[in-house]
Amino acid sequence: MRDVKEITIDDTVYEIKELNVGEVRKWMKSEIEFEDKYSGKEGSGGVDLVGEWLMNDIPFRVLLLMTNIQESHLDDMLPGNLNLLVEACKEVNPYFFALRQKLILVGDQVLEKRAVSNN
């Protein structure tokens, strides 16, 4: 059964859901598509830099996948309150965050090898 956690922030109840394997696969595919868009392979698009980088552990687009928060509500939230959502997401989805960390490490290794071979 899927793990679901509820937290209340400023009198609003948010649900954080555990992603199933299919949702994690969908996220991986969307990350590749996002990278293509972000790197200019499909045009520059309108990358939301705040949404991507404000929270250290998770971009807004993944927060939307794991929670029932509406995108329009993100702008009204304080970073500290967003962090409460992020921490709840990490608690409910430890396997997702472990996989994400492994992917970051592999990406860093690839970039390091490219830098060394270009010198």
Protein backbone atom coordinates (compact mmCIF):
# COMPACT_ATOMS: atom_id res chain seq x y z
CA MET A 1 0.00 0.00 0.00
CA ARG A 2 1.20 3.50 -0.84
CA ASP A 3 2.46 5.57 2.07
CA VAL A 4 0.70 8.92 2.40
CA LYS A 5 1.55 11.56 4.96
CA GLU A 6 -0.45 14.66 5.78
CA ILE A 7 1.07 17.85 7.09
CA THR A 8 -0.60 21.13 7.90
CA ILE A 9 1.02 24.41 6.95
CA ASP A 10 -0.80 27.69 7.60
CA ASP A 11 -4.14 25.93 8.09
CA THR A 12 -3.83 24.02 4.80
CA VAL A 13 -3.47 20.24 4.79
CA TYR A 14 -1.06 18.84 2.21
CA GLU A 15 -0.71 15.20 1.26
CA ILE A 16 2.67 13.73 0.45
CA LYS A 17 2.49 10.45 -1.44
CA GLU A 18 5.02 7.72 -1.92
CA LEU A 19 5.90 7.37 -5.58
CA ASN A 20 5.48 3.95 -7.10
CA VAL A 21 8.07 2.48 -9.48
CA GLY A 22 6.12 3.58 -12.55
CA GLU A 23 5.99 7.17 -11.29
CA VAL A 24 9.74 7.09 -10.64
CA ARG A 25 10.30 5.84 -14.21
CA LYS A 26 8.05 8.62 -15.52
CA TRP A 27 10.05 11.13 -13.48
CA MET A 28 13.33 9.77 -14.95
CA LYS A 29 11.96 10.17 -18.47
CA SER A 30 10.81 13.71 -17.71
CA GLU A 31 14.28 14.53 -16.34
CA ILE A 32 15.84 13.49 -19.65
CA GLU A 33 13.29 15.56 -21.56
CA PHE A 34 13.90 18.49 -19.21
CA GLU A 35 17.66 18.19 -19.71
CA ASP A 36 17.19 18.27 -23.49
CA LYS A 37 15.05 21.39 -23.15
CA TYR A 38 17.38 23.00 -20.60
CA SER A 39 20.53 22.31 -22.63
CA GLY A 40 19.02 23.91 -25.71
CA LYS A 41 18.54 20.74 -27.77
CA GLU A 42 14.86 21.59 -28.13
CA GLY A 43 15.12 25.36 -27.81
CA SER A 44 15.66 27.37 -24.67
CA GLY A 45 12.11 27.07 -23.36
CA GLY A 46 11.14 28.91 -20.21
CA VAL A 47 13.08 27.21 -17.45
CA ASP A 48 11.90 28.29 -14.01
CA LEU A 49 15.25 28.76 -12.28
CA VAL A 50 13.67 29.54 -8.92
CA GLY A 51 11.53 26.43 -9.16
CA GLU A 52 14.57 24.35 -10.08
CA TRP A 53 17.08 25.68 -7.58
CA LEU A 54 15.38 27.32 -4.58
CA MET A 55 15.13 24.09 -2.61
CA ASN A 56 18.39 22.10 -2.45
CA ASP A 57 16.93 18.61 -2.61
CA ILE A 58 14.00 18.87 -5.01
CA PRO A 59 12.77 21.12 -7.80
CA PHE A 60 9.20 22.40 -7.69
CA ARG A 61 8.16 20.11 -10.57
CA VAL A 62 9.01 17.06 -8.44
CA LEU A 63 7.34 18.59 -5.39
CA LEU A 64 4.18 18.82 -7.50
CA LEU A 65 4.52 15.14 -8.39
CA MET A 66 4.83 14.03 -4.76
CA THR A 67 2.26 16.32 -3.17
CA ASN A 68 -1.21 17.66 -3.74
CA ILE A 69 -0.02 21.27 -3.69
CA GLN A 70 -1.24 23.37 -6.60
CA GLU A 71 1.42 25.08 -8.68
CA SER A 72 -0.31 28.42 -8.17
CA HIS A 73 0.15 28.06 -4.38
CA LEU A 74 3.93 27.73 -4.57
CA ASP A 75 4.45 31.47 -5.10
CA ASP A 76 2.57 32.26 -1.89
CA MET A 77 4.65 29.93 0.29
CA LEU A 78 7.64 30.94 2.36
CA PRO A 79 10.83 28.95 1.72
CA GLY A 80 10.72 27.62 5.29
CA ASN A 81 7.23 26.23 4.71
CA LEU A 82 8.32 24.74 1.39
CA ASN A 83 11.13 23.08 3.28
CA LEU A 84 8.57 21.41 5.55
CA LEU A 85 7.04 19.87 2.42
CA VAL A 86 10.46 18.82 1.13
CA GLU A 87 11.36 17.14 4.42
CA ALA A 88 8.05 15.26 4.42
CA CYS A 89 8.72 14.18 0.81
CA LYS A 90 12.15 12.88 1.85
CA GLU A 91 10.57 10.95 4.71
CA VAL A 92 7.90 9.34 2.52
CA ASN A 93 10.17 8.75 -0.52
CA PRO A 94 13.60 7.68 0.79
CA TYR A 95 14.24 5.37 -2.19
CA PHE A 96 13.54 8.18 -4.65
CA PHE A 97 15.99 10.50 -2.92
CA ALA A 98 18.63 7.76 -2.69
CA LEU A 99 18.27 7.14 -6.44
CA ARG A 100 18.40 10.87 -7.14
CA GLN A 101 21.63 11.16 -5.13
CA LYS A 102 23.19 8.26 -7.05
CA LEU A 103 22.28 9.92 -10.35
CA ILE A 104 23.85 13.19 -9.20
CA LEU A 105 27.05 11.36 -8.26
CA VAL A 106 27.21 9.60 -11.63
CA GLY A 107 26.57 12.90 -13.41
CA ASP A 108 29.35 14.57 -11.45
CA GLN A 109 31.74 11.74 -12.37
CA VAL A 110 30.87 12.08 -16.06
CA LEU A 111 31.45 15.83 -15.95
CA GLU A 112 34.77 15.32 -14.17
CA LYS A 113 35.94 12.81 -16.78
CA ARG A 114 34.91 15.16 -19.58
CA ALA A 115 36.82 18.02 -17.97
CA VAL A 116 39.94 15.90 -17.60
CA SER A 117 39.77 14.63 -21.19
CA ASN A 118 39.31 18.19 -22.52
CA ASN A 119 42.49 19.41 -20.83
